[in-house]
N, C-alpha and C. Protein backbone atom coordinates (compact mmCIF):
# COMPACT_ATOMS: atom_id res chain seq x y z
N UNK A 1 0.29 -6.25 32.93
CA UNK A 1 0.12 -7.67 32.64
C UNK A 1 0.91 -7.99 31.38
N UNK A 2 1.69 -9.03 31.43
CA UNK A 2 2.48 -9.41 30.28
C UNK A 2 1.60 -9.97 29.19
N UNK A 3 2.11 -9.94 27.96
CA UNK A 3 1.35 -10.39 26.80
C UNK A 3 0.93 -11.84 26.94
N UNK A 4 1.82 -12.69 27.47
CA UNK A 4 1.50 -14.12 27.61
C UNK A 4 0.34 -14.29 28.58
N UNK A 5 0.37 -13.58 29.69
CA UNK A 5 -0.71 -13.66 30.66
C UNK A 5 -1.99 -13.11 30.07
N UNK A 6 -1.89 -12.00 29.36
CA UNK A 6 -3.06 -11.41 28.73
C UNK A 6 -3.65 -12.36 27.69
N UNK A 7 -2.80 -12.96 26.89
CA UNK A 7 -3.28 -13.90 25.87
C UNK A 7 -3.96 -15.10 26.52
N UNK A 8 -3.42 -15.59 27.63
CA UNK A 8 -4.06 -16.73 28.30
C UNK A 8 -5.37 -16.30 28.95
N UNK A 9 -5.44 -15.08 29.48
CA UNK A 9 -6.70 -14.59 30.06
C UNK A 9 -7.77 -14.45 28.98
N UNK A 10 -7.38 -13.93 27.83
CA UNK A 10 -8.33 -13.80 26.71
C UNK A 10 -8.76 -15.19 26.25
N UNK A 11 -7.83 -16.14 26.20
CA UNK A 11 -8.17 -17.51 25.79
C UNK A 11 -9.17 -18.14 26.77
N UNK A 12 -8.98 -17.89 28.06
CA UNK A 12 -9.92 -18.41 29.06
C UNK A 12 -11.30 -17.80 28.88
N UNK A 13 -11.33 -16.49 28.61
CA UNK A 13 -12.63 -15.84 28.38
C UNK A 13 -13.30 -16.38 27.12
N UNK A 14 -12.51 -16.64 26.09
CA UNK A 14 -13.07 -17.22 24.86
C UNK A 14 -13.67 -18.59 25.13
N UNK A 15 -12.96 -19.38 25.90
CA UNK A 15 -13.45 -20.73 26.24
C UNK A 15 -14.75 -20.63 27.04
N UNK A 16 -14.79 -19.71 28.00
CA UNK A 16 -15.98 -19.53 28.82
C UNK A 16 -17.15 -19.00 27.98
N UNK A 17 -16.86 -18.08 27.08
CA UNK A 17 -17.92 -17.55 26.20
C UNK A 17 -18.47 -18.65 25.30
N UNK A 18 -17.60 -19.48 24.76
CA UNK A 18 -18.05 -20.60 23.91
C UNK A 18 -18.89 -21.58 24.72
N UNK A 19 -18.45 -21.85 25.96
CA UNK A 19 -19.21 -22.75 26.83
C UNK A 19 -20.55 -22.15 27.21
N UNK A 20 -20.65 -20.83 27.23
CA UNK A 20 -21.91 -20.16 27.54
C UNK A 20 -22.83 -20.16 26.32
N UNK A 21 -22.26 -20.04 25.15
CA UNK A 21 -23.08 -19.97 23.93
C UNK A 21 -23.84 -21.27 23.65
N UNK A 22 -23.19 -22.39 23.88
CA UNK A 22 -23.82 -23.67 23.56
C UNK A 22 -25.15 -23.87 24.31
N UNK A 23 -25.19 -23.75 25.64
CA UNK A 23 -26.48 -23.93 26.32
C UNK A 23 -27.47 -22.80 26.01
N UNK A 24 -26.95 -21.61 25.72
CA UNK A 24 -27.85 -20.51 25.33
C UNK A 24 -28.55 -20.84 24.01
N UNK A 25 -27.82 -21.42 23.09
CA UNK A 25 -28.42 -21.80 21.80
C UNK A 25 -29.46 -22.90 21.99
N UNK A 26 -29.17 -23.84 22.89
CA UNK A 26 -30.16 -24.88 23.16
C UNK A 26 -31.40 -24.29 23.83
N UNK A 27 -31.18 -23.37 24.76
CA UNK A 27 -32.29 -22.72 25.47
C UNK A 27 -33.12 -21.88 24.50
N UNK A 28 -32.45 -21.26 23.56
CA UNK A 28 -33.15 -20.42 22.59
C UNK A 28 -34.08 -21.26 21.71
N UNK A 29 -33.70 -22.49 21.46
CA UNK A 29 -34.52 -23.34 20.59
C UNK A 29 -35.73 -23.95 21.29
N UNK A 30 -35.85 -23.75 22.61
CA UNK A 30 -37.00 -24.30 23.32
C UNK A 30 -38.21 -23.39 23.13
N UNK A 31 -39.38 -23.92 23.45
CA UNK A 31 -40.61 -23.14 23.30
C UNK A 31 -40.73 -22.07 24.38
N UNK A 32 -39.96 -22.18 25.44
CA UNK A 32 -40.02 -21.18 26.52
C UNK A 32 -39.04 -20.02 26.31
N UNK A 33 -38.32 -20.07 25.20
CA UNK A 33 -37.34 -19.03 24.93
C UNK A 33 -38.03 -17.67 24.75
N UNK A 34 -37.36 -16.65 25.21
CA UNK A 34 -37.90 -15.30 25.08
C UNK A 34 -36.95 -14.45 24.24
N UNK A 35 -37.42 -13.27 23.94
CA UNK A 35 -36.60 -12.33 23.19
C UNK A 35 -35.32 -12.01 23.96
N UNK A 36 -35.43 -11.97 25.29
CA UNK A 36 -34.26 -11.68 26.12
C UNK A 36 -33.20 -12.76 25.99
N UNK A 37 -33.62 -14.00 25.93
CA UNK A 37 -32.67 -15.11 25.77
C UNK A 37 -31.96 -14.98 24.43
N UNK A 38 -32.73 -14.68 23.39
CA UNK A 38 -32.14 -14.53 22.05
C UNK A 38 -31.16 -13.36 22.03
N UNK A 39 -31.52 -12.24 22.64
CA UNK A 39 -30.62 -11.08 22.63
C UNK A 39 -29.40 -11.33 23.52
N UNK A 40 -29.58 -12.10 24.59
CA UNK A 40 -28.44 -12.47 25.44
C UNK A 40 -27.46 -13.33 24.64
N UNK A 41 -28.00 -14.23 23.85
CA UNK A 41 -27.14 -15.07 23.00
C UNK A 41 -26.40 -14.19 21.98
N UNK A 42 -27.06 -13.22 21.41
CA UNK A 42 -26.43 -12.31 20.45
C UNK A 42 -25.31 -11.52 21.12
N UNK A 43 -25.54 -11.06 22.34
CA UNK A 43 -24.53 -10.29 23.08
C UNK A 43 -23.30 -11.16 23.38
N UNK A 44 -23.53 -12.38 23.82
CA UNK A 44 -22.41 -13.28 24.13
C UNK A 44 -21.64 -13.61 22.85
N UNK A 45 -22.37 -13.83 21.77
CA UNK A 45 -21.73 -14.12 20.49
C UNK A 45 -20.89 -12.94 20.00
N UNK A 46 -21.41 -11.72 20.15
CA UNK A 46 -20.66 -10.52 19.75
C UNK A 46 -19.41 -10.35 20.61
N UNK A 47 -19.55 -10.60 21.91
CA UNK A 47 -18.40 -10.54 22.81
C UNK A 47 -17.34 -11.55 22.39
N UNK A 48 -17.77 -12.74 22.04
CA UNK A 48 -16.86 -13.79 21.59
C UNK A 48 -16.07 -13.33 20.36
N UNK A 49 -16.76 -12.71 19.40
CA UNK A 49 -16.09 -12.23 18.18
C UNK A 49 -15.06 -11.15 18.49
N UNK A 50 -15.40 -10.24 19.38
CA UNK A 50 -14.46 -9.17 19.75
C UNK A 50 -13.24 -9.76 20.45
N UNK A 51 -13.48 -10.71 21.35
CA UNK A 51 -12.36 -11.36 22.05
C UNK A 51 -11.48 -12.13 21.07
N UNK A 52 -12.09 -12.75 20.08
CA UNK A 52 -11.33 -13.47 19.05
C UNK A 52 -10.39 -12.51 18.33
N UNK A 53 -10.90 -11.35 17.92
CA UNK A 53 -10.08 -10.36 17.20
C UNK A 53 -8.96 -9.84 18.10
N UNK A 54 -9.29 -9.60 19.35
CA UNK A 54 -8.28 -9.11 20.29
C UNK A 54 -7.18 -10.15 20.49
N UNK A 55 -7.57 -11.41 20.60
CA UNK A 55 -6.59 -12.49 20.77
C UNK A 55 -5.66 -12.55 19.56
N UNK A 56 -6.22 -12.43 18.37
CA UNK A 56 -5.40 -12.48 17.16
C UNK A 56 -4.42 -11.32 17.09
N UNK A 57 -4.85 -10.17 17.58
CA UNK A 57 -3.99 -9.00 17.57
C UNK A 57 -2.88 -9.10 18.61
N UNK A 58 -3.18 -9.70 19.73
CA UNK A 58 -2.21 -9.81 20.82
C UNK A 58 -1.17 -10.89 20.54
N UNK A 59 -1.57 -11.98 19.90
CA UNK A 59 -0.64 -13.06 19.60
C UNK A 59 0.45 -12.51 18.68
N UNK A 60 1.67 -12.74 19.06
CA UNK A 60 2.80 -12.24 18.28
C UNK A 60 3.20 -10.83 18.64
N UNK A 61 2.49 -10.25 19.58
CA UNK A 61 2.80 -8.89 20.00
C UNK A 61 3.95 -8.93 20.99
N UNK A 62 4.74 -7.88 20.99
CA UNK A 62 5.87 -7.83 21.91
C UNK A 62 5.63 -6.84 23.03
N UNK A 63 4.41 -6.36 23.17
CA UNK A 63 4.14 -5.35 24.19
C UNK A 63 4.16 -5.98 25.57
N UNK A 64 4.71 -5.28 26.51
CA UNK A 64 4.75 -5.74 27.89
C UNK A 64 3.69 -5.04 28.73
N UNK A 65 3.14 -3.97 28.19
CA UNK A 65 2.18 -3.20 28.98
C UNK A 65 0.79 -3.82 28.87
N UNK A 66 0.02 -3.61 29.90
CA UNK A 66 -1.33 -4.15 29.91
C UNK A 66 -2.24 -3.23 29.10
N UNK A 67 -2.87 -3.81 28.11
CA UNK A 67 -3.79 -3.02 27.31
C UNK A 67 -5.23 -3.27 27.73
N UNK A 68 -5.43 -4.33 28.48
CA UNK A 68 -6.77 -4.66 28.98
C UNK A 68 -6.73 -4.59 30.50
N UNK A 69 -7.54 -3.72 31.08
CA UNK A 69 -7.54 -3.65 32.55
C UNK A 69 -7.93 -4.99 33.17
N UNK A 70 -7.25 -5.34 34.24
CA UNK A 70 -7.56 -6.59 34.95
C UNK A 70 -9.02 -6.62 35.40
N UNK A 71 -9.53 -5.48 35.80
CA UNK A 71 -10.90 -5.38 36.26
C UNK A 71 -11.88 -5.78 35.15
N UNK A 72 -11.60 -5.38 33.92
CA UNK A 72 -12.46 -5.74 32.79
C UNK A 72 -12.45 -7.24 32.57
N UNK A 73 -11.29 -7.84 32.62
CA UNK A 73 -11.19 -9.30 32.45
C UNK A 73 -11.97 -10.04 33.54
N UNK A 74 -11.81 -9.55 34.77
CA UNK A 74 -12.47 -10.18 35.91
C UNK A 74 -14.00 -10.03 35.84
N UNK A 75 -14.48 -8.83 35.53
CA UNK A 75 -15.94 -8.63 35.49
C UNK A 75 -16.56 -9.38 34.31
N UNK A 76 -15.85 -9.48 33.22
CA UNK A 76 -16.37 -10.24 32.09
C UNK A 76 -16.48 -11.72 32.45
N UNK A 77 -15.49 -12.22 33.13
CA UNK A 77 -15.53 -13.62 33.57
C UNK A 77 -16.71 -13.83 34.53
N UNK A 78 -16.91 -12.90 35.45
CA UNK A 78 -18.03 -13.01 36.40
C UNK A 78 -19.38 -12.98 35.68
N UNK A 79 -19.49 -12.11 34.69
CA UNK A 79 -20.75 -12.02 33.93
C UNK A 79 -21.04 -13.31 33.19
N UNK A 80 -20.03 -13.84 32.53
CA UNK A 80 -20.24 -15.10 31.79
C UNK A 80 -20.59 -16.24 32.74
N UNK A 81 -19.96 -16.26 33.91
CA UNK A 81 -20.29 -17.30 34.89
C UNK A 81 -21.71 -17.12 35.42
N UNK A 82 -22.15 -15.88 35.59
CA UNK A 82 -23.53 -15.62 36.03
C UNK A 82 -24.53 -16.11 35.00
N UNK A 83 -24.20 -15.93 33.74
CA UNK A 83 -25.09 -16.42 32.67
C UNK A 83 -25.14 -17.94 32.71
N UNK A 84 -23.99 -18.57 32.90
CA UNK A 84 -23.97 -20.04 32.99
C UNK A 84 -24.82 -20.52 34.17
N UNK A 85 -24.70 -19.83 35.29
CA UNK A 85 -25.47 -20.20 36.48
C UNK A 85 -26.97 -20.02 36.23
N UNK A 86 -27.32 -18.95 35.55
CA UNK A 86 -28.72 -18.69 35.21
C UNK A 86 -29.28 -19.83 34.35
N UNK A 87 -28.51 -20.26 33.38
CA UNK A 87 -28.94 -21.34 32.50
C UNK A 87 -29.04 -22.65 33.27
N UNK A 88 -28.06 -22.91 34.14
CA UNK A 88 -28.09 -24.13 34.95
C UNK A 88 -29.32 -24.14 35.86
N UNK A 89 -29.65 -23.00 36.45
CA UNK A 89 -30.84 -22.91 37.31
C UNK A 89 -32.10 -23.19 36.51
N UNK A 90 -32.13 -22.71 35.29
CA UNK A 90 -33.29 -22.95 34.44
C UNK A 90 -33.41 -24.44 34.15
N UNK A 91 -32.29 -25.06 33.75
CA UNK A 91 -32.32 -26.48 33.40
C UNK A 91 -32.55 -27.39 34.61
N UNK A 92 -32.15 -26.94 35.79
CA UNK A 92 -32.31 -27.79 36.96
C UNK A 92 -33.72 -27.68 37.58
N UNK A 93 -34.46 -26.67 37.17
CA UNK A 93 -35.82 -26.55 37.73
C UNK A 93 -36.76 -27.55 37.04
N UNK A 94 -37.81 -27.97 37.75
CA UNK A 94 -38.76 -28.93 37.15
C UNK A 94 -39.39 -28.35 35.88
N UNK A 95 -39.76 -29.24 34.96
CA UNK A 95 -40.29 -28.81 33.67
C UNK A 95 -41.50 -27.88 33.82
N UNK A 96 -42.34 -28.15 34.78
CA UNK A 96 -43.54 -27.33 34.95
C UNK A 96 -43.22 -25.89 35.36
N UNK A 97 -42.15 -25.72 36.07
CA UNK A 97 -41.84 -24.38 36.57
C UNK A 97 -40.77 -23.65 35.76
N UNK A 98 -40.31 -24.26 34.67
CA UNK A 98 -39.26 -23.62 33.87
C UNK A 98 -39.71 -22.28 33.30
N UNK A 99 -40.91 -22.23 32.80
CA UNK A 99 -41.40 -20.98 32.22
C UNK A 99 -41.48 -19.90 33.29
N UNK A 100 -41.94 -20.27 34.48
CA UNK A 100 -42.03 -19.31 35.59
C UNK A 100 -40.64 -18.88 36.02
N UNK A 101 -39.74 -19.85 36.09
CA UNK A 101 -38.35 -19.54 36.47
C UNK A 101 -37.75 -18.57 35.47
N UNK A 102 -37.99 -18.81 34.20
CA UNK A 102 -37.45 -17.94 33.16
C UNK A 102 -38.03 -16.54 33.27
N UNK A 103 -39.32 -16.44 33.54
CA UNK A 103 -39.94 -15.12 33.70
C UNK A 103 -39.35 -14.38 34.90
N UNK A 104 -39.09 -15.10 35.98
CA UNK A 104 -38.49 -14.48 37.16
C UNK A 104 -37.07 -13.99 36.87
N UNK A 105 -36.42 -14.67 35.96
CA UNK A 105 -35.02 -14.34 35.66
C UNK A 105 -34.88 -13.22 34.62
N UNK A 106 -36.00 -12.71 34.12
CA UNK A 106 -35.94 -11.67 33.09
C UNK A 106 -35.18 -10.43 33.56
N UNK A 107 -35.38 -10.03 34.80
CA UNK A 107 -34.68 -8.86 35.34
C UNK A 107 -33.18 -9.13 35.38
N UNK A 108 -32.82 -10.31 35.83
CA UNK A 108 -31.41 -10.70 35.88
C UNK A 108 -30.82 -10.76 34.46
N UNK A 109 -31.60 -11.26 33.53
CA UNK A 109 -31.12 -11.33 32.14
C UNK A 109 -30.88 -9.93 31.60
N UNK A 110 -31.77 -9.01 31.88
CA UNK A 110 -31.59 -7.62 31.42
C UNK A 110 -30.31 -7.02 32.01
N UNK A 111 -30.07 -7.26 33.28
CA UNK A 111 -28.86 -6.74 33.92
C UNK A 111 -27.62 -7.34 33.28
N UNK A 112 -27.66 -8.64 33.03
CA UNK A 112 -26.51 -9.31 32.42
C UNK A 112 -26.27 -8.80 31.00
N UNK A 113 -27.33 -8.54 30.28
CA UNK A 113 -27.18 -7.99 28.92
C UNK A 113 -26.52 -6.62 28.96
N UNK A 114 -26.93 -5.79 29.93
CA UNK A 114 -26.31 -4.47 30.05
C UNK A 114 -24.85 -4.59 30.42
N UNK A 115 -24.54 -5.52 31.33
CA UNK A 115 -23.14 -5.76 31.70
C UNK A 115 -22.33 -6.21 30.48
N UNK A 116 -22.89 -7.15 29.74
CA UNK A 116 -22.21 -7.64 28.54
C UNK A 116 -21.99 -6.53 27.53
N UNK A 117 -22.99 -5.68 27.37
CA UNK A 117 -22.88 -4.58 26.42
C UNK A 117 -21.75 -3.62 26.82
N UNK A 118 -21.67 -3.30 28.10
CA UNK A 118 -20.58 -2.43 28.59
C UNK A 118 -19.23 -3.09 28.37
N UNK A 119 -19.13 -4.35 28.71
CA UNK A 119 -17.87 -5.06 28.56
C UNK A 119 -17.48 -5.19 27.09
N UNK A 120 -18.47 -5.47 26.28
CA UNK A 120 -18.24 -5.58 24.84
C UNK A 120 -17.71 -4.25 24.29
N UNK A 121 -18.31 -3.16 24.72
CA UNK A 121 -17.86 -1.83 24.29
C UNK A 121 -16.44 -1.56 24.78
N UNK A 122 -16.15 -1.94 26.01
CA UNK A 122 -14.80 -1.74 26.56
C UNK A 122 -13.77 -2.54 25.78
N UNK A 123 -14.09 -3.80 25.51
CA UNK A 123 -13.15 -4.63 24.74
C UNK A 123 -12.99 -4.08 23.32
N UNK A 124 -14.07 -3.61 22.72
CA UNK A 124 -13.99 -3.03 21.37
C UNK A 124 -13.10 -1.79 21.38
N UNK A 125 -13.21 -0.99 22.43
CA UNK A 125 -12.36 0.20 22.56
C UNK A 125 -10.90 -0.20 22.72
N UNK A 126 -10.64 -1.20 23.55
CA UNK A 126 -9.28 -1.69 23.73
C UNK A 126 -8.74 -2.22 22.40
N UNK A 127 -9.57 -2.98 21.70
CA UNK A 127 -9.17 -3.54 20.41
C UNK A 127 -8.82 -2.42 19.44
N UNK A 128 -9.66 -1.42 19.38
CA UNK A 128 -9.44 -0.30 18.47
C UNK A 128 -8.18 0.47 18.82
N UNK A 129 -8.00 0.79 20.10
CA UNK A 129 -6.82 1.56 20.49
C UNK A 129 -5.54 0.75 20.32
N UNK A 130 -5.60 -0.54 20.61
CA UNK A 130 -4.42 -1.37 20.45
C UNK A 130 -4.06 -1.53 18.97
N UNK A 131 -5.08 -1.69 18.13
CA UNK A 131 -4.83 -1.78 16.69
C UNK A 131 -4.20 -0.49 16.18
N UNK A 132 -4.71 0.65 16.66
CA UNK A 132 -4.13 1.94 16.28
C UNK A 132 -2.69 2.06 16.75
N UNK A 133 -2.44 1.60 17.96
CA UNK A 133 -1.09 1.65 18.50
C UNK A 133 -0.14 0.78 17.67
N UNK A 134 -0.61 -0.40 17.29
CA UNK A 134 0.22 -1.29 16.46
C UNK A 134 0.47 -0.68 15.09
N UNK A 135 -0.56 -0.04 14.52
CA UNK A 135 -0.39 0.60 13.22
C UNK A 135 0.59 1.75 13.34
N UNK A 136 0.45 2.54 14.39
CA UNK A 136 1.36 3.66 14.62
C UNK A 136 2.78 3.17 14.79
N UNK A 137 2.95 2.11 15.56
CA UNK A 137 4.27 1.53 15.77
C UNK A 137 4.85 1.02 14.45
N UNK A 138 4.02 0.41 13.65
CA UNK A 138 4.46 -0.09 12.35
C UNK A 138 4.87 1.08 11.46
N UNK A 139 4.09 2.17 11.50
CA UNK A 139 4.43 3.35 10.70
C UNK A 139 5.76 3.93 11.14
N UNK A 140 6.02 3.97 12.44
CA UNK A 140 7.30 4.46 12.95
C UNK A 140 8.42 3.57 12.45
N UNK A 141 8.22 2.27 12.50
CA UNK A 141 9.23 1.33 12.00
C UNK A 141 9.48 1.53 10.51
N UNK A 142 8.42 1.74 9.76
CA UNK A 142 8.56 1.96 8.31
C UNK A 142 9.31 3.26 8.04
N UNK A 143 8.96 4.32 8.79
CA UNK A 143 9.66 5.59 8.62
C UNK A 143 11.14 5.46 8.94
N UNK A 144 11.46 4.74 10.02
CA UNK A 144 12.85 4.55 10.40
C UNK A 144 13.60 3.77 9.33
N UNK A 145 12.97 2.76 8.78
CA UNK A 145 13.58 1.97 7.71
C UNK A 145 13.79 2.83 6.46
N UNK A 146 12.79 3.64 6.14
CA UNK A 146 12.88 4.55 4.99
C UNK A 146 14.04 5.53 5.17
N UNK A 147 14.14 6.11 6.38
CA UNK A 147 15.24 7.04 6.67
C UNK A 147 16.59 6.34 6.54
N UNK A 148 16.66 5.13 7.04
CA UNK A 148 17.91 4.37 6.96
C UNK A 148 18.28 4.09 5.50
N UNK A 149 17.29 3.73 4.70
CA UNK A 149 17.55 3.48 3.28
C UNK A 149 18.01 4.75 2.58
N UNK A 150 17.39 5.88 2.92
CA UNK A 150 17.81 7.15 2.32
C UNK A 150 19.26 7.48 2.71
N UNK A 151 19.60 7.25 3.98
CA UNK A 151 20.98 7.50 4.43
C UNK A 151 21.95 6.59 3.67
N UNK A 152 21.55 5.33 3.50
CA UNK A 152 22.40 4.40 2.76
C UNK A 152 22.55 4.84 1.31
N UNK A 153 21.45 5.30 0.74
CA UNK A 153 21.47 5.75 -0.64
C UNK A 153 22.36 6.98 -0.78
N UNK A 154 22.20 7.95 0.13
CA UNK A 154 23.03 9.15 0.06
C UNK A 154 24.48 8.79 0.36
N UNK A 155 24.69 7.85 1.27
CA UNK A 155 26.04 7.40 1.56
C UNK A 155 26.63 6.74 0.33
N UNK A 156 25.86 5.97 -0.36
CA UNK A 156 26.33 5.33 -1.57
C UNK A 156 26.67 6.37 -2.63
N UNK A 157 25.87 7.42 -2.72
CA UNK A 157 26.15 8.49 -3.68
C UNK A 157 27.45 9.19 -3.32
N UNK A 158 27.66 9.44 -2.04
CA UNK A 158 28.91 10.07 -1.58
C UNK A 158 30.09 9.14 -1.86
N UNK A 159 29.90 7.87 -1.58
CA UNK A 159 30.97 6.91 -1.85
C UNK A 159 31.28 6.86 -3.34
N UNK A 160 30.25 6.90 -4.17
CA UNK A 160 30.45 6.89 -5.62
C UNK A 160 31.21 8.14 -6.06
N UNK A 161 30.86 9.28 -5.50
CA UNK A 161 31.57 10.52 -5.84
C UNK A 161 33.04 10.42 -5.42
N UNK A 162 33.28 9.86 -4.23
CA UNK A 162 34.66 9.67 -3.78
C UNK A 162 35.42 8.74 -4.72
N UNK A 163 34.76 7.67 -5.11
CA UNK A 163 35.38 6.70 -6.02
C UNK A 163 35.69 7.35 -7.36
N UNK A 164 34.71 8.10 -7.89
CA UNK A 164 34.93 8.78 -9.16
C UNK A 164 36.07 9.79 -9.05
N UNK A 165 36.11 10.50 -7.94
CA UNK A 165 37.18 11.48 -7.72
C UNK A 165 38.53 10.78 -7.68
N UNK A 166 38.62 9.67 -6.96
CA UNK A 166 39.86 8.91 -6.88
C UNK A 166 40.24 8.35 -8.25
N UNK A 167 39.22 7.90 -9.00
CA UNK A 167 39.47 7.36 -10.34
C UNK A 167 40.01 8.45 -11.26
N UNK A 168 39.41 9.63 -11.20
CA UNK A 168 39.90 10.75 -12.02
C UNK A 168 41.34 11.10 -11.64
N UNK A 169 41.62 11.13 -10.33
CA UNK A 169 42.97 11.46 -9.86
C UNK A 169 43.96 10.39 -10.33
N UNK A 170 43.58 9.13 -10.23
CA UNK A 170 44.46 8.05 -10.69
C UNK A 170 44.67 8.14 -12.19
N UNK A 171 43.61 8.43 -12.93
CA UNK A 171 43.72 8.57 -14.38
C UNK A 171 44.65 9.73 -14.72
N UNK A 172 44.52 10.83 -14.04
CA UNK A 172 45.37 12.00 -14.28
C UNK A 172 46.84 11.66 -14.01
N UNK A 173 47.05 10.93 -12.88
CA UNK A 173 48.42 10.55 -12.54
C UNK A 173 49.01 9.60 -13.59
N UNK A 174 48.18 8.63 -14.05
CA UNK A 174 48.64 7.70 -15.07
C UNK A 174 48.96 8.43 -16.37
N UNK A 175 48.09 9.33 -16.77
CA UNK A 175 48.33 10.11 -17.99
C UNK A 175 49.61 10.93 -17.84
N UNK A 176 49.73 11.49 -16.68
CA UNK A 176 50.92 12.29 -16.43
C UNK A 176 52.18 11.40 -16.49
N UNK A 177 52.09 10.21 -15.87
CA UNK A 177 53.22 9.29 -15.87
C UNK A 177 53.54 8.83 -17.29
N UNK A 178 52.47 8.37 -18.01
CA UNK A 178 52.72 7.88 -19.36
C UNK A 178 53.09 9.01 -20.30
N UNK A 179 52.55 10.18 -20.00
CA UNK A 179 52.95 11.34 -20.80
C UNK A 179 54.41 11.64 -20.60
N UNK A 180 54.87 11.57 -19.38
CA UNK A 180 56.29 11.78 -19.09
C UNK A 180 57.11 10.65 -19.68
N UNK A 181 56.56 9.44 -19.64
CA UNK A 181 57.25 8.30 -20.20
C UNK A 181 57.39 8.45 -21.70
N UNK A 182 56.32 8.90 -22.35
CA UNK A 182 56.37 9.14 -23.80
C UNK A 182 57.39 10.21 -24.11
N UNK A 183 57.37 11.22 -23.34
CA UNK A 183 58.31 12.32 -23.53
C UNK A 183 59.74 11.82 -23.33
N UNK A 184 59.93 11.00 -22.28
CA UNK A 184 61.27 10.47 -21.98
C UNK A 184 61.68 9.48 -23.07
N UNK A 185 60.76 8.69 -23.56
CA UNK A 185 61.10 7.73 -24.61
C UNK A 185 61.44 8.48 -25.89
N UNK A 186 60.82 9.63 -26.10
CA UNK A 186 61.17 10.43 -27.28
C UNK A 186 62.57 10.98 -27.17
N UNK A 187 63.01 11.23 -25.98
CA UNK A 187 64.35 11.73 -25.77
C UNK A 187 65.38 10.61 -25.96
N UNK A 188 64.97 9.38 -25.60
CA UNK A 188 65.88 8.28 -25.71
C UNK A 188 66.06 7.83 -27.15
N UNK A 189 65.09 8.03 -27.94
CA UNK A 189 65.15 7.53 -29.31
C UNK A 189 65.97 8.43 -30.15
């Protein structure tokens, strides 16, 4: 997957995660909220933060290789959509049955939290390995630049030695010429 496509996929996931967080926060503030809803919100929020960091790392990258498996992007999107559907089902049920609906959905919430946790770990691993790869690439670039500067410096030293050698030779020739000229002028006088 090209970087542009990957960046747009990450942007779509960020948008979906943000859209999921808003109703989760509203649901959490209700009296029917459970610990599972709060932890689901924490998981989605953590996923959002990891995706944000990954997006920042990918933007400006020149890599053509896919660092995020397509399957991970797809399953994360499905999980976030399932959470949205769960919230919509809760909000669409009559007020009297909302608490019962929420209790029935606890098993589904647990499954979604586990899915989010796996995906979050996978994205964190991708983020970590990609950051390491970028650091390694940067170190290689720095080493290459350092080697080039050393070659230029040694080349400059060699050039300076050549220049000094030529200067000494020219000076010797001039002294020899003027010495001969002085000698010849002494003969003429």
